PDB file of N, CA and C in Angstrom:
ATOM      1  N   MET A   1      -1.224 -18.505 -14.388  1.00  0.00           N
ATOM      2  CA  MET A   1      -0.533 -17.242 -14.258  1.00  0.00           C
ATOM      3  C   MET A   1      -0.257 -16.689 -15.652  1.00  0.00           C
ATOM      4  N   LYS A   2      -0.610 -15.442 -15.850  1.00  0.00           N
ATOM      5  CA  LYS A   2      -0.351 -14.756 -17.116  1.00  0.00           C
ATOM      6  C   LYS A   2       1.143 -14.445 -17.216  1.00  0.00           C
ATOM      7  N   ASN A   3       1.697 -14.636 -18.384  1.00  0.00           N
ATOM      8  CA  ASN A   3       3.100 -14.316 -18.589  1.00  0.00           C
ATOM      9  C   ASN A   3       3.201 -12.877 -19.090  1.00  0.00           C
ATOM     10  N   THR A   4       3.616 -11.982 -18.222  1.00  0.00           N
ATOM     11  CA  THR A   4       3.748 -10.578 -18.585  1.00  0.00           C
ATOM     12  C   THR A   4       5.173 -10.340 -19.057  1.00  0.00           C
ATOM     13  N   ALA A   5       5.307  -9.839 -20.282  1.00  0.00           N
ATOM     14  CA  ALA A   5       6.634  -9.610 -20.859  1.00  0.00           C
ATOM     15  C   ALA A   5       7.460  -8.657 -20.009  1.00  0.00           C
ATOM     16  N   SER A   6       6.818  -7.664 -19.434  1.00  0.00           N
ATOM     17  CA  SER A   6       7.525  -6.683 -18.633  1.00  0.00           C
ATOM     18  C   SER A   6       6.793  -6.479 -17.305  1.00  0.00           C
ATOM     19  N   PRO A   7       7.082  -7.321 -16.323  1.00  0.00           N
ATOM     20  CA  PRO A   7       6.401  -7.177 -15.040  1.00  0.00           C
ATOM     21  C   PRO A   7       6.654  -5.798 -14.428  1.00  0.00           C
ATOM     22  N   GLN A   8       5.631  -5.246 -13.856  1.00  0.00           N
ATOM     23  CA  GLN A   8       5.711  -3.946 -13.204  1.00  0.00           C
ATOM     24  C   GLN A   8       5.679  -4.131 -11.687  1.00  0.00           C
ATOM     25  N   MET A   9       6.432  -3.283 -10.968  1.00  0.00           N
ATOM     26  CA  MET A   9       6.309  -3.261  -9.516  1.00  0.00           C
ATOM     27  C   MET A   9       5.176  -2.291  -9.199  1.00  0.00           C
ATOM     28  N   ILE A  10       4.155  -2.812  -8.523  1.00  0.00           N
ATOM     29  CA  ILE A  10       2.934  -2.046  -8.301  1.00  0.00           C
ATOM     30  C   ILE A  10       2.661  -1.911  -6.806  1.00  0.00           C
ATOM     31  N   LEU A  11       2.593  -0.665  -6.339  1.00  0.00           N
ATOM     32  CA  LEU A  11       2.241  -0.382  -4.954  1.00  0.00           C
ATOM     33  C   LEU A  11       0.727  -0.381  -4.833  1.00  0.00           C
ATOM     34  N   VAL A  12       0.195  -1.251  -3.986  1.00  0.00           N
ATOM     35  CA  VAL A  12      -1.232  -1.287  -3.707  1.00  0.00           C
ATOM     36  C   VAL A  12      -1.487  -0.317  -2.557  1.00  0.00           C
ATOM     37  N   ALA A  13      -2.252   0.721  -2.839  1.00  0.00           N
ATOM     38  CA  ALA A  13      -2.545   1.755  -1.837  1.00  0.00           C
ATOM     39  C   ALA A  13      -4.035   1.730  -1.529  1.00  0.00           C
ATOM     40  N   GLY A  14      -4.351   1.417  -0.295  1.00  0.00           N
ATOM     41  CA  GLY A  14      -5.749   1.378   0.129  1.00  0.00           C
ATOM     42  C   GLY A  14      -5.855   1.748   1.588  1.00  0.00           C
ATOM     43  N   PRO A  15      -7.067   1.795   2.098  1.00  0.00           N
ATOM     44  CA  PRO A  15      -7.258   2.140   3.507  1.00  0.00           C
ATOM     45  C   PRO A  15      -6.585   1.122   4.430  1.00  0.00           C
ATOM     46  N   TYR A  16      -6.009   1.623   5.500  1.00  0.00           N
ATOM     47  CA  TYR A  16      -5.488   0.773   6.565  1.00  0.00           C
ATOM     48  C   TYR A  16      -6.331   1.031   7.815  1.00  0.00           C
ATOM     49  N   ARG A  17      -6.212   2.208   8.395  1.00  0.00           N
ATOM     50  CA  ARG A  17      -6.977   2.555   9.595  1.00  0.00           C
ATOM     51  C   ARG A  17      -8.284   3.279   9.284  1.00  0.00           C
ATOM     52  N   SER A  18      -8.363   3.916   8.138  1.00  0.00           N
ATOM     53  CA  SER A  18      -9.515   4.759   7.797  1.00  0.00           C
ATOM     54  C   SER A  18     -10.829   4.000   7.954  1.00  0.00           C
ATOM     55  N   GLY A  19     -11.757   4.640   8.645  1.00  0.00           N
ATOM     56  CA  GLY A  19     -13.088   4.074   8.825  1.00  0.00           C
ATOM     57  C   GLY A  19     -13.166   2.913   9.787  1.00  0.00           C
ATOM     58  N   THR A  20     -12.089   2.637  10.519  1.00  0.00           N
ATOM     59  CA  THR A  20     -12.077   1.468  11.403  1.00  0.00           C
ATOM     60  C   THR A  20     -12.211   1.814  12.884  1.00  0.00           C
ATOM     61  N   ASN A  21     -12.018   3.089  13.240  1.00  0.00           N
ATOM     62  CA  ASN A  21     -11.933   3.470  14.648  1.00  0.00           C
ATOM     63  C   ASN A  21     -10.900   2.602  15.378  1.00  0.00           C
ATOM     64  N   ASP A  22      -9.861   2.222  14.618  1.00  0.00           N
ATOM     65  CA  ASP A  22      -8.763   1.371  15.105  1.00  0.00           C
ATOM     66  C   ASP A  22      -9.213   0.000  15.606  1.00  0.00           C
ATOM     67  N   ASP A  23     -10.355  -0.468  15.134  1.00  0.00           N
ATOM     68  CA  ASP A  23     -10.833  -1.820  15.450  1.00  0.00           C
ATOM     69  C   ASP A  23      -9.955  -2.817  14.691  1.00  0.00           C
ATOM     70  N   PRO A  24      -9.248  -3.700  15.404  1.00  0.00           N
ATOM     71  CA  PRO A  24      -8.322  -4.619  14.745  1.00  0.00           C
ATOM     72  C   PRO A  24      -8.988  -5.517  13.698  1.00  0.00           C
ATOM     73  N   ILE A  25     -10.228  -5.880  13.906  1.00  0.00           N
ATOM     74  CA  ILE A  25     -10.933  -6.733  12.943  1.00  0.00           C
ATOM     75  C   ILE A  25     -11.162  -5.982  11.632  1.00  0.00           C
ATOM     76  N   LEU A  26     -11.569  -4.704  11.738  1.00  0.00           N
ATOM     77  CA  LEU A  26     -11.798  -3.897  10.543  1.00  0.00           C
ATOM     78  C   LEU A  26     -10.485  -3.557   9.843  1.00  0.00           C
ATOM     79  N   ILE A  27      -9.441  -3.309  10.618  1.00  0.00           N
ATOM     80  CA  ILE A  27      -8.122  -3.068  10.021  1.00  0.00           C
ATOM     81  C   ILE A  27      -7.686  -4.310   9.249  1.00  0.00           C
ATOM     82  N   GLN A  28      -7.888  -5.473   9.835  1.00  0.00           N
ATOM     83  CA  GLN A  28      -7.498  -6.713   9.158  1.00  0.00           C
ATOM     84  C   GLN A  28      -8.280  -6.898   7.858  1.00  0.00           C
ATOM     85  N   LYS A  29      -9.550  -6.497   7.841  1.00  0.00           N
ATOM     86  CA  LYS A  29     -10.329  -6.569   6.601  1.00  0.00           C
ATOM     87  C   LYS A  29      -9.703  -5.688   5.521  1.00  0.00           C
ATOM     88  N   ASN A  30      -9.241  -4.503   5.914  1.00  0.00           N
ATOM     89  CA  ASN A  30      -8.570  -3.615   4.960  1.00  0.00           C
ATOM     90  C   ASN A  30      -7.273  -4.238   4.450  1.00  0.00           C
ATOM     91  N   VAL A  31      -6.512  -4.811   5.356  1.00  0.00           N
ATOM     92  CA  VAL A  31      -5.251  -5.456   4.979  1.00  0.00           C
ATOM     93  C   VAL A  31      -5.532  -6.644   4.050  1.00  0.00           C
ATOM     94  N   ASP A  32      -6.555  -7.419   4.388  1.00  0.00           N
ATOM     95  CA  ASP A  32      -6.909  -8.568   3.558  1.00  0.00           C
ATOM     96  C   ASP A  32      -7.262  -8.126   2.133  1.00  0.00           C
ATOM     97  N   ALA A  33      -7.991  -7.024   2.006  1.00  0.00           N
ATOM     98  CA  ALA A  33      -8.361  -6.520   0.675  1.00  0.00           C
ATOM     99  C   ALA A  33      -7.110  -6.144  -0.119  1.00  0.00           C
ATOM    100  N   MET A  34      -6.149  -5.498   0.536  1.00  0.00           N
ATOM    101  CA  MET A  34      -4.908  -5.135  -0.160  1.00  0.00           C
ATOM    102  C   MET A  34      -4.095  -6.373  -0.512  1.00  0.00           C
ATOM    103  N   ASN A  35      -4.024  -7.338   0.413  1.00  0.00           N
ATOM    104  CA  ASN A  35      -3.285  -8.572   0.140  1.00  0.00           C
ATOM    105  C   ASN A  35      -3.936  -9.377  -0.978  1.00  0.00           C
ATOM    106  N   ASP A  36      -5.267  -9.422  -1.003  1.00  0.00           N
ATOM    107  CA  ASP A  36      -5.970 -10.123  -2.083  1.00  0.00           C
ATOM    108  C   ASP A  36      -5.637  -9.495  -3.434  1.00  0.00           C
ATOM    109  N   MET A  37      -5.613  -8.167  -3.483  1.00  0.00           N
ATOM    110  CA  MET A  37      -5.262  -7.486  -4.728  1.00  0.00           C
ATOM    111  C   MET A  37      -3.812  -7.773  -5.088  1.00  0.00           C
ATOM    112  N   ALA A  38      -2.935  -7.793  -4.091  1.00  0.00           N
ATOM    113  CA  ALA A  38      -1.523  -8.091  -4.350  1.00  0.00           C
ATOM    114  C   ALA A  38      -1.372  -9.481  -4.964  1.00  0.00           C
ATOM    115  N   LEU A  39      -2.098 -10.452  -4.434  1.00  0.00           N
ATOM    116  CA  LEU A  39      -2.024 -11.799  -4.988  1.00  0.00           C
ATOM    117  C   LEU A  39      -2.517 -11.814  -6.437  1.00  0.00           C
ATOM    118  N   HIS A  40      -3.602 -11.112  -6.699  1.00  0.00           N
ATOM    119  CA  HIS A  40      -4.120 -11.030  -8.070  1.00  0.00           C
ATOM    120  C   HIS A  40      -3.077 -10.413  -9.001  1.00  0.00           C
ATOM    121  N   LEU A  41      -2.447  -9.345  -8.574  1.00  0.00           N
ATOM    122  CA  LEU A  41      -1.404  -8.708  -9.384  1.00  0.00           C
ATOM    123  C   LEU A  41      -0.264  -9.689  -9.667  1.00  0.00           C
ATOM    124  N   TYR A  42       0.124 -10.434  -8.658  1.00  0.00           N
ATOM    125  CA  TYR A  42       1.181 -11.423  -8.834  1.00  0.00           C
ATOM    126  C   TYR A  42       0.757 -12.488  -9.841  1.00  0.00           C
ATOM    127  N   GLU A  43      -0.476 -12.957  -9.699  1.00  0.00           N
ATOM    128  CA  GLU A  43      -0.976 -14.014 -10.577  1.00  0.00           C
ATOM    129  C   GLU A  43      -1.042 -13.572 -12.039  1.00  0.00           C
ATOM    130  N   ILE A  44      -1.199 -12.277 -12.286  1.00  0.00           N
ATOM    131  CA  ILE A  44      -1.222 -11.814 -13.668  1.00  0.00           C
ATOM    132  C   ILE A  44       0.157 -11.342 -14.145  1.00  0.00           C
ATOM    133  N   GLY A  45       1.172 -11.589 -13.321  1.00  0.00           N
ATOM    134  CA  GLY A  45       2.534 -11.411 -13.787  1.00  0.00           C
ATOM    135  C   GLY A  45       3.306 -10.213 -13.276  1.00  0.00           C
ATOM    136  N   HIS A  46       2.783  -9.532 -12.263  1.00  0.00           N
ATOM    137  CA  HIS A  46       3.455  -8.343 -11.748  1.00  0.00           C
ATOM    138  C   HIS A  46       4.055  -8.608 -10.365  1.00  0.00           C
ATOM    139  N   LEU A  47       4.810  -7.643  -9.858  1.00  0.00           N
ATOM    140  CA  LEU A  47       5.380  -7.722  -8.514  1.00  0.00           C
ATOM    141  C   LEU A  47       4.676  -6.691  -7.639  1.00  0.00           C
ATOM    142  N   PRO A  48       3.721  -7.140  -6.831  1.00  0.00           N
ATOM    143  CA  PRO A  48       2.999  -6.210  -5.965  1.00  0.00           C
ATOM    144  C   PRO A  48       3.764  -5.937  -4.683  1.00  0.00           C
ATOM    145  N   VAL A  49       3.538  -4.750  -4.124  1.00  0.00           N
ATOM    146  CA  VAL A  49       4.084  -4.407  -2.814  1.00  0.00           C
ATOM    147  C   VAL A  49       3.059  -3.574  -2.054  1.00  0.00           C
ATOM    148  N   LEU A  50       3.119  -3.673  -0.760  1.00  0.00           N
ATOM    149  CA  LEU A  50       2.327  -2.831   0.135  1.00  0.00           C
ATOM    150  C   LEU A  50       3.297  -2.150   1.075  1.00  0.00           C
ATOM    151  N   GLY A  51       3.065  -0.879   1.344  1.00  0.00           N
ATOM    152  CA  GLY A  51       3.892  -0.176   2.312  1.00  0.00           C
ATOM    153  C   GLY A  51       3.860  -0.864   3.666  1.00  0.00           C
ATOM    154  N   GLU A  52       2.709  -1.448   3.999  1.00  0.00           N
ATOM    155  CA  GLU A  52       2.547  -2.131   5.287  1.00  0.00           C
ATOM    156  C   GLU A  52       3.522  -3.286   5.440  1.00  0.00           C
ATOM    157  N   TRP A  53       3.843  -3.955   4.335  1.00  0.00           N
ATOM    158  CA  TRP A  53       4.766  -5.091   4.406  1.00  0.00           C
ATOM    159  C   TRP A  53       6.141  -4.658   4.879  1.00  0.00           C
ATOM    160  N   PHE A  54       6.507  -3.428   4.593  1.00  0.00           N
ATOM    161  CA  PHE A  54       7.806  -2.896   5.000  1.00  0.00           C
ATOM    162  C   PHE A  54       7.720  -2.161   6.329  1.00  0.00           C
ATOM    163  N   ALA A  55       6.666  -1.359   6.492  1.00  0.00           N
ATOM    164  CA  ALA A  55       6.575  -0.482   7.656  1.00  0.00           C
ATOM    165  C   ALA A  55       6.266  -1.221   8.953  1.00  0.00           C
ATOM    166  N   LEU A  56       5.317  -2.144   8.930  1.00  0.00           N
ATOM    167  CA  LEU A  56       4.879  -2.757  10.192  1.00  0.00           C
ATOM    168  C   LEU A  56       5.989  -3.509  10.931  1.00  0.00           C
ATOM    169  N   PRO A  57       6.828  -4.299  10.256  1.00  0.00           N
ATOM    170  CA  PRO A  57       7.931  -4.929  10.994  1.00  0.00           C
ATOM    171  C   PRO A  57       8.922  -3.911  11.567  1.00  0.00           C
ATOM    172  N   LEU A  58       9.169  -2.829  10.821  1.00  0.00           N
ATOM    173  CA  LEU A  58      10.068  -1.790  11.332  1.00  0.00           C
ATOM    174  C   LEU A  58       9.461  -1.102  12.553  1.00  0.00           C
ATOM    175  N   ILE A  59       8.173  -0.830  12.483  1.00  0.00           N
ATOM    176  CA  ILE A  59       7.471  -0.183  13.599  1.00  0.00           C
ATOM    177  C   ILE A  59       7.564  -1.049  14.855  1.00  0.00           C
ATOM    178  N   GLU A  60       7.340  -2.334  14.681  1.00  0.00           N
ATOM    179  CA  GLU A  60       7.425  -3.255  15.825  1.00  0.00           C
ATOM    180  C   GLU A  60       8.848  -3.301  16.377  1.00  0.00           C
ATOM    181  N   THR A  61       9.824  -3.419  15.481  1.00  0.00           N
ATOM    182  CA  THR A  61      11.227  -3.499  15.903  1.00  0.00           C
ATOM    183  C   THR A  61      11.678  -2.224  16.602  1.00  0.00           C
ATOM    184  N   ALA A  62      11.156  -1.090  16.150  1.00  0.00           N
ATOM    185  CA  ALA A  62      11.531   0.192  16.753  1.00  0.00           C
ATOM    186  C   ALA A  62      10.893   0.410  18.117  1.00  0.00           C
ATOM    187  N   GLY A  63       9.956  -0.456  18.493  1.00  0.00           N
ATOM    188  CA  GLY A  63       9.393  -0.380  19.845  1.00  0.00           C
ATOM    189  C   GLY A  63       8.095   0.396  19.983  1.00  0.00           C
ATOM    190  N   SER A  64       7.362   0.560  18.899  1.00  0.00           N
ATOM    191  CA  SER A  64       6.069   1.244  18.993  1.00  0.00           C
ATOM    192  C   SER A  64       5.172   0.511  19.988  1.00  0.00           C
ATOM    193  N   LYS A  65       4.466   1.288  20.783  1.00  0.00           N
ATOM    194  CA  LYS A  65       3.572   0.711  21.793  1.00  0.00           C
ATOM    195  C   LYS A  65       2.127   0.653  21.317  1.00  0.00           C
ATOM    196  N   GLU A  66       1.763   1.541  20.357  1.00  0.00           N
ATOM    197  CA  GLU A  66       0.393   1.548  19.850  1.00  0.00           C
ATOM    198  C   GLU A  66       0.324   2.323  18.542  1.00  0.00           C
ATOM    199  N   MET A  67      -0.705   1.996  17.731  1.00  0.00           N
ATOM    200  CA  MET A  67      -0.915   2.731  16.494  1.00  0.00           C
ATOM    201  C   MET A  67      -1.069   4.205  16.805  1.00  0.00           C
ATOM    202  N   GLY A  68      -0.367   5.005  16.030  1.00  0.00           N
ATOM    203  CA  GLY A  68      -0.477   6.446  16.195  1.00  0.00           C
ATOM    204  C   GLY A  68       0.510   7.059  17.162  1.00  0.00           C
ATOM    205  N   ASP A  69       1.343   6.225  17.830  1.00  0.00           N
ATOM    206  CA  ASP A  69       2.361   6.836  18.688  1.00  0.00           C
ATOM    207  C   ASP A  69       3.465   7.414  17.805  1.00  0.00           C
ATOM    208  N   LYS A  70       4.427   8.078  18.397  1.00  0.00           N
ATOM    209  CA  LYS A  70       5.457   8.777  17.630  1.00  0.00           C
ATOM    210  C   LYS A  70       6.214   7.833  16.708  1.00  0.00           C
ATOM    211  N   ILE A  71       6.626   6.685  17.221  1.00  0.00           N
ATOM    212  CA  ILE A  71       7.364   5.723  16.395  1.00  0.00           C
ATOM    213  C   ILE A  71       6.505   5.298  15.203  1.00  0.00           C
ATOM    214  N   TRP A  72       5.268   4.972  15.452  1.00  0.00           N
ATOM    215  CA  TRP A  72       4.351   4.539  14.398  1.00  0.00           C
ATOM    216  C   TRP A  72       4.225   5.628  13.336  1.00  0.00           C
ATOM    217  N   ASN A  73       3.968   6.845  13.780  1.00  0.00           N
ATOM    218  CA  ASN A  73       3.796   7.964  12.845  1.00  0.00           C
ATOM    219  C   ASN A  73       5.078   8.294  12.087  1.00  0.00           C
ATOM    220  N   ASP A  74       6.230   8.106  12.727  1.00  0.00           N
ATOM    221  CA  ASP A  74       7.504   8.397  12.076  1.00  0.00           C
ATOM    222  C   ASP A  74       7.854   7.380  10.993  1.00  0.00           C
ATOM    223  N   LEU A  75       7.195   6.217  11.001  1.00  0.00           N
ATOM    224  CA  LEU A  75       7.540   5.157  10.060  1.00  0.00           C
ATOM    225  C   LEU A  75       6.424   4.785   9.081  1.00  0.00           C
ATOM    226  N   PHE A  76       5.190   4.758   9.508  1.00  0.00           N
ATOM    227  CA  PHE A  76       4.131   4.143   8.705  1.00  0.00           C
ATOM    228  C   PHE A  76       4.020   4.735   7.302  1.00  0.00           C
ATOM    229  N   HIS A  77       3.677   5.982   7.164  1.00  0.00           N
ATOM    230  CA  HIS A  77       3.576   6.586   5.833  1.00  0.00           C
ATOM    231  C   HIS A  77       4.940   6.891   5.210  1.00  0.00           C
ATOM    232  N   PRO A  78       5.913   7.356   5.991  1.00  0.00           N
ATOM    233  CA  PRO A  78       7.218   7.632   5.382  1.00  0.00           C
ATOM    234  C   PRO A  78       7.854   6.422   4.676  1.00  0.00           C
ATOM    235  N   VAL A  79       7.655   5.226   5.199  1.00  0.00           N
ATOM    236  CA  VAL A  79       8.198   4.034   4.545  1.00  0.00           C
ATOM    237  C   VAL A  79       7.535   3.847   3.183  1.00  0.00           C
ATOM    238  N   ALA A  80       6.214   3.985   3.135  1.00  0.00           N
ATOM    239  CA  ALA A  80       5.501   3.836   1.864  1.00  0.00           C
ATOM    240  C   ALA A  80       5.923   4.923   0.872  1.00  0.00           C
ATOM    241  N   ILE A  81       6.148   6.116   1.373  1.00  0.00           N
ATOM    242  CA  ILE A  81       6.580   7.213   0.501  1.00  0.00           C
ATOM    243  C   ILE A  81       7.933   6.887  -0.128  1.00  0.00           C
ATOM    244  N   ARG A  82       8.852   6.330   0.632  1.00  0.00           N
ATOM    245  CA  ARG A  82      10.144   5.920   0.071  1.00  0.00           C
ATOM    246  C   ARG A  82       9.956   4.821  -0.970  1.00  0.00           C
ATOM    247  N   LEU A  83       9.026   3.924  -0.704  1.00  0.00           N
ATOM    248  CA  LEU A  83       8.773   2.808  -1.605  1.00  0.00           C
ATOM    249  C   LEU A  83       8.250   3.278  -2.961  1.00  0.00           C
ATOM    250  N   ILE A  84       7.519   4.361  -2.989  1.00  0.00           N
ATOM    251  CA  ILE A  84       6.958   4.884  -4.243  1.00  0.00           C
ATOM    252  C   ILE A  84       8.045   5.073  -5.294  1.00  0.00           C
ATOM    253  N   SER A  85       9.205   5.544  -4.883  1.00  0.00           N
ATOM    254  CA  SER A  85      10.291   5.791  -5.841  1.00  0.00           C
ATOM    255  C   SER A  85      10.723   4.528  -6.569  1.00  0.00           C
ATOM    256  N   LYS A  86      10.545   3.393  -5.969  1.00  0.00           N
ATOM    257  CA  LYS A  86      10.970   2.118  -6.556  1.00  0.00           C
ATOM    258  C   LYS A  86       9.874   1.455  -7.381  1.00  0.00           C
ATOM    259  N   CYS A  87       8.648   1.964  -7.298  1.00  0.00           N
ATOM    260  CA  CYS A  87       7.511   1.353  -7.988  1.00  0.00           C
ATOM    261  C   CYS A  87       7.276   1.984  -9.350  1.00  0.00           C
ATOM    262  N   ASP A  88       6.687   1.195 -10.228  1.00  0.00           N
ATOM    263  CA  ASP A  88       6.325   1.676 -11.556  1.00  0.00           C
ATOM    264  C   ASP A  88       4.923   2.271 -11.565  1.00  0.00           C
ATOM    265  N   ILE A  89       4.042   1.696 -10.762  1.00  0.00           N
ATOM    266  CA  ILE A  89       2.616   2.032 -10.788  1.00  0.00           C
ATOM    267  C   ILE A  89       2.094   2.081  -9.355  1.00  0.00           C
ATOM    268  N   ILE A  90       1.133   2.975  -9.117  1.00  0.00           N
ATOM    269  CA  ILE A  90       0.378   3.001  -7.857  1.00  0.00           C
ATOM    270  C   ILE A  90      -1.041   2.571  -8.200  1.00  0.00           C
ATOM    271  N   LEU A  91      -1.529   1.525  -7.545  1.00  0.00           N
ATOM    272  CA  LEU A  91      -2.904   1.065  -7.712  1.00  0.00           C
ATOM    273  C   LEU A  91      -3.689   1.455  -6.465  1.00  0.00           C
ATOM    274  N   ARG A  92      -4.616   2.387  -6.628  1.00  0.00           N
ATOM    275  CA  ARG A  92      -5.442   2.868  -5.502  1.00  0.00           C
ATOM    276  C   ARG A  92      -6.701   2.016  -5.441  1.00  0.00           C
ATOM    277  N   ILE A  93      -6.920   1.382  -4.281  1.00  0.00           N
ATOM    278  CA  ILE A  93      -8.116   0.561  -4.091  1.00  0.00           C
ATOM    279  C   ILE A  93      -8.858   1.015  -2.838  1.00  0.00           C
ATOM    280  N   GLY A  94     -10.079   0.526  -2.692  1.00  0.00           N
ATOM    281  CA  GLY A  94     -10.838   0.707  -1.468  1.00  0.00           C
ATOM    282  C   GLY A  94     -11.476   2.066  -1.326  1.00  0.00           C
ATOM    283  N   GLY A  95     -11.946   2.306  -0.113  1.00  0.00           N
ATOM    284  CA  GLY A  95     -12.698   3.520   0.190  1.00  0.00           C
ATOM    285  C   GLY A  95     -11.823   4.674   0.625  1.00  0.00           C
ATOM    286  N   LEU A  96     -12.442   5.556   1.376  1.00  0.00           N
ATOM    287  CA  LEU A  96     -11.769   6.769   1.835  1.00  0.00           C
ATOM    288  C   LEU A  96     -10.497   6.425   2.615  1.00  0.00           C
ATOM    289  N   SER A  97      -9.430   7.158   2.301  1.00  0.00           N
ATOM    290  CA  SER A  97      -8.164   6.966   3.007  1.00  0.00           C
ATOM    291  C   SER A  97      -7.236   8.121   2.699  1.00  0.00           C
ATOM    292  N   GLY A  98      -6.975   8.934   3.706  1.00  0.00           N
ATOM    293  CA  GLY A  98      -6.029  10.031   3.541  1.00  0.00           C
ATOM    294  C   GLY A  98      -4.647   9.530   3.180  1.00  0.00           C
ATOM    295  N   GLY A  99      -4.224   8.437   3.796  1.00  0.00           N
ATOM    296  CA  GLY A  99      -2.898   7.890   3.526  1.00  0.00           C
ATOM    297  C   GLY A  99      -2.771   7.374   2.103  1.00  0.00           C
ATOM    298  N   ALA A 100      -3.771   6.612   1.641  1.00  0.00           N
ATOM    299  CA  ALA A 100      -3.724   6.093   0.269  1.00  0.00           C
ATOM    300  C   ALA A 100      -3.788   7.238  -0.736  1.00  0.00           C
ATOM    301  N   ASP A 101      -4.598   8.255  -0.421  1.00  0.00           N
ATOM    302  CA  ASP A 101      -4.665   9.416  -1.308  1.00  0.00           C
ATOM    303  C   ASP A 101      -3.335  10.165  -1.335  1.00  0.00           C
ATOM    304  N   GLU A 102      -2.640  10.178  -0.204  1.00  0.00           N
ATOM    305  CA  GLU A 102      -1.319  10.801  -0.168  1.00  0.00           C
ATOM    306  C   GLU A 102      -0.336  10.025  -1.057  1.00  0.00           C
ATOM    307  N   MET A 103      -0.435   8.693  -1.058  1.00  0.00           N
ATOM    308  CA  MET A 103       0.441   7.895  -1.917  1.00  0.00           C
ATOM    309  C   MET A 103       0.175   8.219  -3.390  1.00  0.00           C
ATOM    310  N   VAL A 104      -1.097   8.397  -3.741  1.00  0.00           N
ATOM    311  CA  VAL A 104      -1.455   8.760  -5.113  1.00  0.00           C
ATOM    312  C   VAL A 104      -0.891  10.139  -5.461  1.00  0.00           C
ATOM    313  N   ARG A 105      -1.071  11.092  -4.561  1.00  0.00           N
ATOM    314  CA  ARG A 105      -0.582  12.453  -4.808  1.00  0.00           C
ATOM    315  C   ARG A 105       0.932  12.463  -5.006  1.00  0.00           C
ATOM    316  N   ILE A 106       1.644  11.780  -4.129  1.00  0.00           N
ATOM    317  CA  ILE A 106       3.107  11.742  -4.226  1.00  0.00           C
ATOM    318  C   ILE A 106       3.535  10.961  -5.469  1.00  0.00           C
ATOM    319  N   GLY A 107       2.809   9.886  -5.762  1.00  0.00           N
ATOM    320  CA  GLY A 107       3.101   9.133  -6.978  1.00  0.00           C
ATOM    321  C   GLY A 107       2.975  10.012  -8.220  1.00  0.00           C
ATOM    322  N   LYS A 108       1.919  10.823  -8.270  1.00  0.00           N
ATOM    323  CA  LYS A 108       1.739  11.748  -9.397  1.00  0.00           C
ATOM    324  C   LYS A 108       2.899  12.732  -9.468  1.00  0.00           C
ATOM    325  N   GLU A 109       3.294  13.277  -8.318  1.00  0.00           N
ATOM    326  CA  GLU A 109       4.411  14.228  -8.287  1.00  0.00           C
ATOM    327  C   GLU A 109       5.696  13.599  -8.810  1.00  0.00           C
ATOM    328  N   LYS A 110       5.859  12.303  -8.580  1.00  0.00           N
ATOM    329  CA  LYS A 110       7.067  11.593  -9.011  1.00  0.00           C
ATOM    330  C   LYS A 110       6.922  11.032 -10.420  1.00  0.00           C
ATOM    331  N   GLY A 111       5.799  11.331 -11.063  1.00  0.00           N
ATOM    332  CA  GLY A 111       5.593  10.881 -12.434  1.00  0.00           C
ATOM    333  C   GLY A 111       5.211   9.421 -12.572  1.00  0.00           C
ATOM    334  N   LYS A 112       4.709   8.836 -11.508  1.00  0.00           N
ATOM    335  CA  LYS A 112       4.308   7.430 -11.545  1.00  0.00           C
ATOM    336  C   LYS A 112       2.933   7.292 -12.193  1.00  0.00           C
ATOM    337  N   ARG A 113       2.711   6.172 -12.815  1.00  0.00           N
ATOM    338  CA  ARG A 113       1.407   5.875 -13.390  1.00  0.00           C
ATOM    339  C   ARG A 113       0.456   5.534 -12.239  1.00  0.00           C
ATOM    340  N   ILE A 114      -0.722   6.127 -12.241  1.00  0.00           N
ATOM    341  CA  ILE A 114      -1.737   5.886 -11.214  1.00  0.00           C
ATOM    342  C   ILE A 114      -2.898   5.172 -11.869  1.00  0.00           C
ATOM    343  N   ILE A 115      -3.311   4.055 -11.284  1.00  0.00           N
ATOM    344  CA  ILE A 115      -4.467   3.324 -11.797  1.00  0.00           C
ATOM    345  C   ILE A 115      -5.425   3.013 -10.660  1.00  0.00           C
ATOM    346  N   PHE A 116      -6.657   2.683 -11.043  1.00  0.00           N
ATOM    347  CA  PHE A 116      -7.698   2.399 -10.049  1.00  0.00           C
ATOM    348  C   PHE A 116      -8.335   1.040 -10.256  1.00  0.00           C
ATOM    349  N   SER A 117      -7.817   0.277 -11.212  1.00  0.00           N
ATOM    350  CA  SER A 117      -8.318  -1.061 -11.520  1.00  0.00           C
ATOM    351  C   SER A 117      -7.252  -1.813 -12.291  1.00  0.00           C
ATOM    352  N   THR A 118      -7.233  -3.124 -12.119  1.00  0.00           N
ATOM    353  CA  THR A 118      -6.296  -3.932 -12.907  1.00  0.00           C
ATOM    354  C   THR A 118      -6.670  -3.945 -14.383  1.00  0.00           C
ATOM    355  N   ASP A 119      -7.886  -3.557 -14.711  1.00  0.00           N
ATOM    356  CA  ASP A 119      -8.285  -3.437 -16.118  1.00  0.00           C
ATOM    357  C   ASP A 119      -7.448  -2.394 -16.851  1.00  0.00           C
ATOM    358  N   GLU A 120      -6.816  -1.494 -16.091  1.00  0.00           N
ATOM    359  CA  GLU A 120      -5.999  -0.439 -16.693  1.00  0.00           C
ATOM    360  C   GLU A 120      -4.578  -0.900 -17.020  1.00  0.00           C
ATOM    361  N   LEU A 121      -4.256  -2.134 -16.653  1.00  0.00           N
ATOM    362  CA  LEU A 121      -2.902  -2.654 -16.921  1.00  0.00           C
ATOM    363  C   LEU A 121      -2.776  -3.119 -18.365  1.00  0.00           C
TER     364      LEU A 121
END
């Protein structure tokens, strides 16, 4: 593990549902890619976070019946948007994703550093 003098809290923003047609196997592949990046960030000395880590348990607790229902939509992206304020950096990974692009846009509006590779750290 690299010893980083000043660990940064980094939001990993990547596709969740995009390009999956809501296929759970493809969604899990997207989640795995974000989790793998989060582990890498941790190993090099940072504190990674994913909006999904916060939103999905809340969505379940609130009683959502399926992806895209009102409860799901009221929590999924809004939770990540709140999380942006607490992060130092937004790391955009993966392919096309309206949600991840929204996190980048909002991050820019809030003056957050936006990166597309850990090489930029």
